[in-house]
PDB file of all heavy atoms in Angstrom:
ATOM      1  N   PRO A   1     136.556  29.003 152.958  1.00  0.00           N
ATOM      2  CA  PRO A   1     135.999  30.005 153.846  1.00  0.00           C
ATOM      3  C   PRO A   1     135.044  30.991 153.159  1.00  0.00           C
ATOM      4  O   PRO A   1     134.022  31.389 153.717  1.00  0.00           O
ATOM      5  CB  PRO A   1     137.213  30.702 154.420  1.00  0.00           C
ATOM      6  CG  PRO A   1     138.267  29.659 154.394  1.00  0.00           C
ATOM      7  CD  PRO A   1     138.004  28.871 153.115  1.00  0.00           C
ATOM      8  N   ASP A   2     135.418  31.404 151.905  1.00  0.00           N
ATOM      9  CA  ASP A   2     134.525  32.390 151.291  1.00  0.00           C
ATOM     10  C   ASP A   2     133.186  31.799 150.968  1.00  0.00           C
ATOM     11  O   ASP A   2     132.145  32.497 151.079  1.00  0.00           O
ATOM     12  CB  ASP A   2     135.205  32.917 150.032  1.00  0.00           C
ATOM     13  CG  ASP A   2     135.411  31.806 148.959  1.00  0.00           C
ATOM     14  OD1 ASP A   2     135.702  30.707 149.352  1.00  0.00           O
ATOM     15  OD2 ASP A   2     135.246  32.160 147.767  1.00  0.00           O
ATOM     16  N   LYS A   3     133.123  30.549 150.601  1.00  0.00           N
ATOM     17  CA  LYS A   3     131.782  29.904 150.349  1.00  0.00           C
ATOM     18  C   LYS A   3     131.068  29.680 151.622  1.00  0.00           C
ATOM     19  O   LYS A   3     129.848  29.797 151.669  1.00  0.00           O
ATOM     20  CB  LYS A   3     132.031  28.576 149.557  1.00  0.00           C
ATOM     21  CG  LYS A   3     132.470  28.783 148.104  1.00  0.00           C
ATOM     22  CD  LYS A   3     132.510  27.469 147.366  1.00  0.00           C
ATOM     23  CE  LYS A   3     132.773  27.727 145.865  1.00  0.00           C
ATOM     24  NZ  LYS A   3     133.977  28.449 145.596  1.00  0.00           N
ATOM     25  N   GLN A   4     131.772  29.308 152.714  1.00  0.00           N
ATOM     26  CA  GLN A   4     131.112  29.187 154.010  1.00  0.00           C
ATOM     27  C   GLN A   4     130.457  30.545 154.404  1.00  0.00           C
ATOM     28  O   GLN A   4     129.350  30.587 154.958  1.00  0.00           O
ATOM     29  CB  GLN A   4     132.091  28.769 155.056  1.00  0.00           C
ATOM     30  CG  GLN A   4     132.651  27.364 154.928  1.00  0.00           C
ATOM     31  CD  GLN A   4     133.527  26.901 156.045  1.00  0.00           C
ATOM     32  OE1 GLN A   4     133.141  27.079 157.220  1.00  0.00           O
ATOM     33  NE2 GLN A   4     134.699  26.380 155.726  1.00  0.00           N
ATOM     34  N   ALA A   5     131.209  31.652 154.166  1.00  0.00           N
ATOM     35  CA  ALA A   5     130.694  32.958 154.562  1.00  0.00           C
ATOM     36  C   ALA A   5     129.411  33.299 153.740  1.00  0.00           C
ATOM     37  O   ALA A   5     128.438  33.798 154.318  1.00  0.00           O
ATOM     38  CB  ALA A   5     131.768  34.006 154.263  1.00  0.00           C
ATOM     39  N   ARG A   6     129.409  33.000 152.456  1.00  0.00           N
ATOM     40  CA  ARG A   6     128.227  33.252 151.668  1.00  0.00           C
ATOM     41  C   ARG A   6     127.031  32.460 152.183  1.00  0.00           C
ATOM     42  O   ARG A   6     125.913  32.911 152.168  1.00  0.00           O
ATOM     43  CB  ARG A   6     128.480  32.935 150.204  1.00  0.00           C
ATOM     44  CG  ARG A   6     129.468  33.869 149.546  1.00  0.00           C
ATOM     45  CD  ARG A   6     129.646  33.534 148.054  1.00  0.00           C
ATOM     46  NE  ARG A   6     130.599  34.351 147.452  1.00  0.00           N
ATOM     47  CZ  ARG A   6     130.867  34.347 146.083  1.00  0.00           C
ATOM     48  NH1 ARG A   6     130.239  33.522 145.312  1.00  0.00           N
ATOM     49  NH2 ARG A   6     131.772  35.180 145.602  1.00  0.00           N
ATOM     50  N   PHE A   7     127.327  31.204 152.578  1.00  0.00           N
ATOM     51  CA  PHE A   7     126.248  30.357 153.129  1.00  0.00           C
ATOM     52  C   PHE A   7     125.699  30.977 154.400  1.00  0.00           C
ATOM     53  O   PHE A   7     124.437  31.078 154.597  1.00  0.00           O
ATOM     54  CB  PHE A   7     126.775  28.925 153.372  1.00  0.00           C
ATOM     55  CG  PHE A   7     125.828  28.127 154.218  1.00  0.00           C
ATOM     56  CD1 PHE A   7     124.756  27.446 153.596  1.00  0.00           C
ATOM     57  CD2 PHE A   7     126.013  27.921 155.575  1.00  0.00           C
ATOM     58  CE1 PHE A   7     123.882  26.667 154.358  1.00  0.00           C
ATOM     59  CE2 PHE A   7     125.136  27.189 156.344  1.00  0.00           C
ATOM     60  CZ  PHE A   7     124.027  26.537 155.715  1.00  0.00           C
ATOM     61  N   GLU A   8     126.575  31.372 155.339  1.00  0.00           N
ATOM     62  CA  GLU A   8     126.106  31.913 156.598  1.00  0.00           C
ATOM     63  C   GLU A   8     125.289  33.182 156.372  1.00  0.00           C
ATOM     64  O   GLU A   8     124.286  33.407 156.997  1.00  0.00           O
ATOM     65  CB  GLU A   8     127.305  32.229 157.511  1.00  0.00           C
ATOM     66  CG  GLU A   8     128.171  31.002 157.843  1.00  0.00           C
ATOM     67  CD  GLU A   8     127.426  29.959 158.695  1.00  0.00           C
ATOM     68  OE1 GLU A   8     126.305  30.164 159.089  1.00  0.00           O
ATOM     69  OE2 GLU A   8     128.034  28.887 158.890  1.00  0.00           O
ATOM     70  N   ILE A   9     125.720  34.002 155.432  1.00  0.00           N
ATOM     71  CA  ILE A   9     124.984  35.267 155.108  1.00  0.00           C
ATOM     72  C   ILE A   9     123.555  34.933 154.604  1.00  0.00           C
ATOM     73  O   ILE A   9     122.598  35.490 155.035  1.00  0.00           O
ATOM     74  CB  ILE A   9     125.764  36.114 154.066  1.00  0.00           C
ATOM     75  CG1 ILE A   9     126.968  36.805 154.739  1.00  0.00           C
ATOM     76  CG2 ILE A   9     124.827  37.092 153.347  1.00  0.00           C
ATOM     77  CD1 ILE A   9     126.570  38.021 155.539  1.00  0.00           C
ATOM     78  N   ALA A  10     123.545  33.982 153.575  1.00  0.00           N
ATOM     79  CA  ALA A  10     122.252  33.625 153.012  1.00  0.00           C
ATOM     80  C   ALA A  10     121.336  32.981 154.047  1.00  0.00           C
ATOM     81  O   ALA A  10     120.116  33.269 154.090  1.00  0.00           O
ATOM     82  CB  ALA A  10     122.480  32.720 151.807  1.00  0.00           C
ATOM     83  N   ALA A  11     121.852  32.156 154.911  1.00  0.00           N
ATOM     84  CA  ALA A  11     121.094  31.484 155.895  1.00  0.00           C
ATOM     85  C   ALA A  11     120.579  32.476 156.951  1.00  0.00           C
ATOM     86  O   ALA A  11     119.403  32.381 157.405  1.00  0.00           O
ATOM     87  CB  ALA A  11     121.898  30.407 156.570  1.00  0.00           C
ATOM     88  N   ALA A  12     121.389  33.437 157.279  1.00  0.00           N
ATOM     89  CA  ALA A  12     120.953  34.490 158.305  1.00  0.00           C
ATOM     90  C   ALA A  12     119.799  35.331 157.693  1.00  0.00           C
ATOM     91  O   ALA A  12     118.834  35.642 158.388  1.00  0.00           O
ATOM     92  CB  ALA A  12     122.159  35.392 158.634  1.00  0.00           C
ATOM     93  N   GLU A  13     119.944  35.715 156.402  1.00  0.00           N
ATOM     94  CA  GLU A  13     118.874  36.475 155.766  1.00  0.00           C
ATOM     95  C   GLU A  13     117.578  35.668 155.768  1.00  0.00           C
ATOM     96  O   GLU A  13     116.475  36.193 155.998  1.00  0.00           O
ATOM     97  CB  GLU A  13     119.265  36.849 154.328  1.00  0.00           C
ATOM     98  CG  GLU A  13     120.218  38.023 154.272  1.00  0.00           C
ATOM     99  CD  GLU A  13     120.445  38.481 152.854  1.00  0.00           C
ATOM    100  OE1 GLU A  13     120.941  37.735 152.033  1.00  0.00           O
ATOM    101  OE2 GLU A  13     120.063  39.650 152.568  1.00  0.00           O
ATOM    102  N   ALA A  14     117.649  34.389 155.387  1.00  0.00           N
ATOM    103  CA  ALA A  14     116.480  33.551 155.339  1.00  0.00           C
ATOM    104  C   ALA A  14     115.819  33.447 156.730  1.00  0.00           C
ATOM    105  O   ALA A  14     114.606  33.523 156.876  1.00  0.00           O
ATOM    106  CB  ALA A  14     116.793  32.193 154.807  1.00  0.00           C
ATOM    107  N   ALA A  15     116.613  33.255 157.733  1.00  0.00           N
ATOM    108  CA  ALA A  15     116.109  33.154 159.105  1.00  0.00           C
ATOM    109  C   ALA A  15     115.438  34.432 159.533  1.00  0.00           C
ATOM    110  O   ALA A  15     114.366  34.417 160.196  1.00  0.00           O
ATOM    111  CB  ALA A  15     117.239  32.799 160.061  1.00  0.00           C
ATOM    112  N   LEU A  16     116.034  35.587 159.221  1.00  0.00           N
ATOM    113  CA  LEU A  16     115.367  36.854 159.514  1.00  0.00           C
ATOM    114  C   LEU A  16     114.034  37.026 158.802  1.00  0.00           C
ATOM    115  O   LEU A  16     113.065  37.538 159.369  1.00  0.00           O
ATOM    116  CB  LEU A  16     116.315  38.012 159.177  1.00  0.00           C
ATOM    117  CG  LEU A  16     117.511  38.232 160.056  1.00  0.00           C
ATOM    118  CD1 LEU A  16     118.478  39.270 159.499  1.00  0.00           C
ATOM    119  CD2 LEU A  16     117.091  38.656 161.490  1.00  0.00           C
ATOM    120  N   GLY A  17     113.989  36.501 157.586  1.00  0.00           N
ATOM    121  CA  GLY A  17     112.772  36.578 156.832  1.00  0.00           C
ATOM    122  C   GLY A  17     111.666  35.735 157.434  1.00  0.00           C
ATOM    123  O   GLY A  17     110.453  36.094 157.285  1.00  0.00           O
ATOM    124  N   LEU A  18     112.029  34.720 158.192  1.00  0.00           N
ATOM    125  CA  LEU A  18     111.073  33.834 158.870  1.00  0.00           C
ATOM    126  C   LEU A  18     110.911  34.269 160.322  1.00  0.00           C
ATOM    127  O   LEU A  18     110.220  33.567 161.104  1.00  0.00           O
ATOM    128  CB  LEU A  18     111.512  32.433 158.783  1.00  0.00           C
ATOM    129  CG  LEU A  18     111.527  31.782 157.386  1.00  0.00           C
ATOM    130  CD1 LEU A  18     112.181  30.404 157.406  1.00  0.00           C
ATOM    131  CD2 LEU A  18     110.116  31.704 156.854  1.00  0.00           C
ATOM    132  N   ASN A  19     111.605  35.389 160.744  1.00  0.00           N
ATOM    133  CA  ASN A  19     111.547  35.801 162.111  1.00  0.00           C
ATOM    134  C   ASN A  19     112.125  34.768 163.092  1.00  0.00           C
ATOM    135  O   ASN A  19     111.764  34.701 164.223  1.00  0.00           O
ATOM    136  CB  ASN A  19     110.118  36.235 162.540  1.00  0.00           C
ATOM    137  CG  ASN A  19     110.143  37.206 163.696  1.00  0.00           C
ATOM    138  OD1 ASN A  19     111.060  38.048 163.800  1.00  0.00           O
ATOM    139  ND2 ASN A  19     109.168  37.091 164.599  1.00  0.00           N
ATOM    140  N   ASP A  20     113.031  33.960 162.575  1.00  0.00           N
ATOM    141  CA  ASP A  20     113.714  32.957 163.448  1.00  0.00           C
ATOM    142  C   ASP A  20     115.001  33.606 163.896  1.00  0.00           C
ATOM    143  O   ASP A  20     116.073  33.412 163.372  1.00  0.00           O
ATOM    144  CB  ASP A  20     114.010  31.702 162.597  1.00  0.00           C
ATOM    145  CG  ASP A  20     114.647  30.577 163.385  1.00  0.00           C
ATOM    146  OD1 ASP A  20     114.960  30.835 164.597  1.00  0.00           O
ATOM    147  OD2 ASP A  20     114.896  29.516 162.848  1.00  0.00           O
ATOM    148  N   LEU A  21     114.855  34.371 164.960  1.00  0.00           N
ATOM    149  CA  LEU A  21     115.999  35.209 165.394  1.00  0.00           C
ATOM    150  C   LEU A  21     117.118  34.443 166.005  1.00  0.00           C
ATOM    151  O   LEU A  21     118.307  34.797 165.825  1.00  0.00           O
ATOM    152  CB  LEU A  21     115.429  36.236 166.444  1.00  0.00           C
ATOM    153  CG  LEU A  21     114.283  37.110 165.947  1.00  0.00           C
ATOM    154  CD1 LEU A  21     113.944  38.167 167.030  1.00  0.00           C
ATOM    155  CD2 LEU A  21     114.620  37.815 164.633  1.00  0.00           C
ATOM    156  N   ALA A  22     116.830  33.330 166.643  1.00  0.00           N
ATOM    157  CA  ALA A  22     117.864  32.460 167.227  1.00  0.00           C
ATOM    158  C   ALA A  22     118.780  31.918 166.155  1.00  0.00           C
ATOM    159  O   ALA A  22     120.022  31.973 166.230  1.00  0.00           O
ATOM    160  CB  ALA A  22     117.279  31.376 168.089  1.00  0.00           C
ATOM    161  N   SER A  23     118.186  31.392 165.054  1.00  0.00           N
ATOM    162  CA  SER A  23     118.992  30.853 163.979  1.00  0.00           C
ATOM    163  C   SER A  23     119.766  31.951 163.304  1.00  0.00           C
ATOM    164  O   SER A  23     120.946  31.721 162.939  1.00  0.00           O
ATOM    165  CB  SER A  23     118.087  30.130 162.999  1.00  0.00           C
ATOM    166  OG  SER A  23     117.491  29.010 163.551  1.00  0.00           O
ATOM    167  N   ALA A  24     119.163  33.111 163.104  1.00  0.00           N
ATOM    168  CA  ALA A  24     119.843  34.200 162.461  1.00  0.00           C
ATOM    169  C   ALA A  24     121.103  34.615 163.253  1.00  0.00           C
ATOM    170  O   ALA A  24     122.169  34.812 162.666  1.00  0.00           O
ATOM    171  CB  ALA A  24     118.914  35.428 162.270  1.00  0.00           C
ATOM    172  N   GLU A  25     120.927  34.689 164.552  1.00  0.00           N
ATOM    173  CA  GLU A  25     122.103  35.081 165.393  1.00  0.00           C
ATOM    174  C   GLU A  25     123.173  34.036 165.317  1.00  0.00           C
ATOM    175  O   GLU A  25     124.371  34.326 165.255  1.00  0.00           O
ATOM    176  CB  GLU A  25     121.613  35.281 166.834  1.00  0.00           C
ATOM    177  CG  GLU A  25     122.700  35.740 167.751  1.00  0.00           C
ATOM    178  CD  GLU A  25     122.276  36.058 169.165  1.00  0.00           C
ATOM    179  OE1 GLU A  25     121.027  35.969 169.406  1.00  0.00           O
ATOM    180  OE2 GLU A  25     123.122  36.394 170.013  1.00  0.00           O
ATOM    181  N   SER A  26     122.784  32.748 165.293  1.00  0.00           N
ATOM    182  CA  SER A  26     123.779  31.670 165.237  1.00  0.00           C
ATOM    183  C   SER A  26     124.583  31.763 163.951  1.00  0.00           C
ATOM    184  O   SER A  26     125.840  31.656 163.965  1.00  0.00           O
ATOM    185  CB  SER A  26     123.051  30.305 165.310  1.00  0.00           C
ATOM    186  OG  SER A  26     123.966  29.224 165.120  1.00  0.00           O
ATOM    187  N   HIS A  27     123.908  31.970 162.840  1.00  0.00           N
ATOM    188  CA  HIS A  27     124.624  32.084 161.593  1.00  0.00           C
ATOM    189  C   HIS A  27     125.533  33.305 161.547  1.00  0.00           C
ATOM    190  O   HIS A  27     126.676  33.239 161.042  1.00  0.00           O
ATOM    191  CB  HIS A  27     123.628  32.186 160.402  1.00  0.00           C
ATOM    192  CG  HIS A  27     122.901  30.886 160.133  1.00  0.00           C
ATOM    193  ND1 HIS A  27     123.570  29.770 159.682  1.00  0.00           N
ATOM    194  CD2 HIS A  27     121.620  30.556 160.199  1.00  0.00           C
ATOM    195  CE1 HIS A  27     122.705  28.795 159.481  1.00  0.00           C
ATOM    196  NE2 HIS A  27     121.517  29.232 159.815  1.00  0.00           N
ATOM    197  N   LEU A  28     125.092  34.423 162.091  1.00  0.00           N
ATOM    198  CA  LEU A  28     125.920  35.602 162.111  1.00  0.00           C
ATOM    199  C   LEU A  28     127.156  35.453 162.983  1.00  0.00           C
ATOM    200  O   LEU A  28     128.239  35.908 162.691  1.00  0.00           O
ATOM    201  CB  LEU A  28     125.121  36.839 162.534  1.00  0.00           C
ATOM    202  CG  LEU A  28     124.063  37.281 161.533  1.00  0.00           C
ATOM    203  CD1 LEU A  28     123.220  38.445 162.143  1.00  0.00           C
ATOM    204  CD2 LEU A  28     124.720  37.803 160.230  1.00  0.00           C
ATOM    205  N   ARG A  29     127.025  34.716 164.068  1.00  0.00           N
ATOM    206  CA  ARG A  29     128.175  34.473 164.990  1.00  0.00           C
ATOM    207  C   ARG A  29     129.204  33.526 164.323  1.00  0.00           C
ATOM    208  O   ARG A  29     130.390  33.698 164.446  1.00  0.00           O
ATOM    209  CB  ARG A  29     127.672  33.901 166.329  1.00  0.00           C
ATOM    210  CG  ARG A  29     126.925  34.922 167.173  1.00  0.00           C
ATOM    211  CD  ARG A  29     126.729  34.496 168.611  1.00  0.00           C
ATOM    212  NE  ARG A  29     125.938  35.483 169.336  1.00  0.00           N
ATOM    213  CZ  ARG A  29     126.451  36.608 169.784  1.00  0.00           C
ATOM    214  NH1 ARG A  29     127.707  36.972 169.592  1.00  0.00           N
ATOM    215  NH2 ARG A  29     125.688  37.446 170.513  1.00  0.00           N
ATOM    216  N   ASP A  30     128.655  32.557 163.623  1.00  0.00           N
ATOM    217  CA  ASP A  30     129.574  31.605 162.867  1.00  0.00           C
ATOM    218  C   ASP A  30     130.270  32.412 161.768  1.00  0.00           C
ATOM    219  O   ASP A  30     131.462  32.138 161.491  1.00  0.00           O
ATOM    220  CB  ASP A  30     128.791  30.462 162.261  1.00  0.00           C
ATOM    221  CG  ASP A  30     128.356  29.478 163.345  1.00  0.00           C
ATOM    222  OD1 ASP A  30     128.863  29.461 164.474  1.00  0.00           O
ATOM    223  OD2 ASP A  30     127.453  28.572 163.045  1.00  0.00           O
ATOM    224  N   LEU A  31     129.585  33.344 161.167  1.00  0.00           N
ATOM    225  CA  LEU A  31     130.215  34.152 160.109  1.00  0.00           C
ATOM    226  C   LEU A  31     131.346  34.962 160.683  1.00  0.00           C
ATOM    227  O   LEU A  31     132.415  35.133 160.012  1.00  0.00           O
ATOM    228  CB  LEU A  31     129.146  35.065 159.503  1.00  0.00           C
ATOM    229  CG  LEU A  31     129.647  36.055 158.425  1.00  0.00           C
ATOM    230  CD1 LEU A  31     130.171  35.278 157.184  1.00  0.00           C
ATOM    231  CD2 LEU A  31     128.498  37.018 158.039  1.00  0.00           C
TER     232      LEU A  31
END
């Protein structure tokens, strides 16, 4: 779980950087 959490955090940050808000929200909800 701790590694999954780090993945979701990193993926959400990357999505926000690309202004992909739907993906960012999905990662944050999974987190």
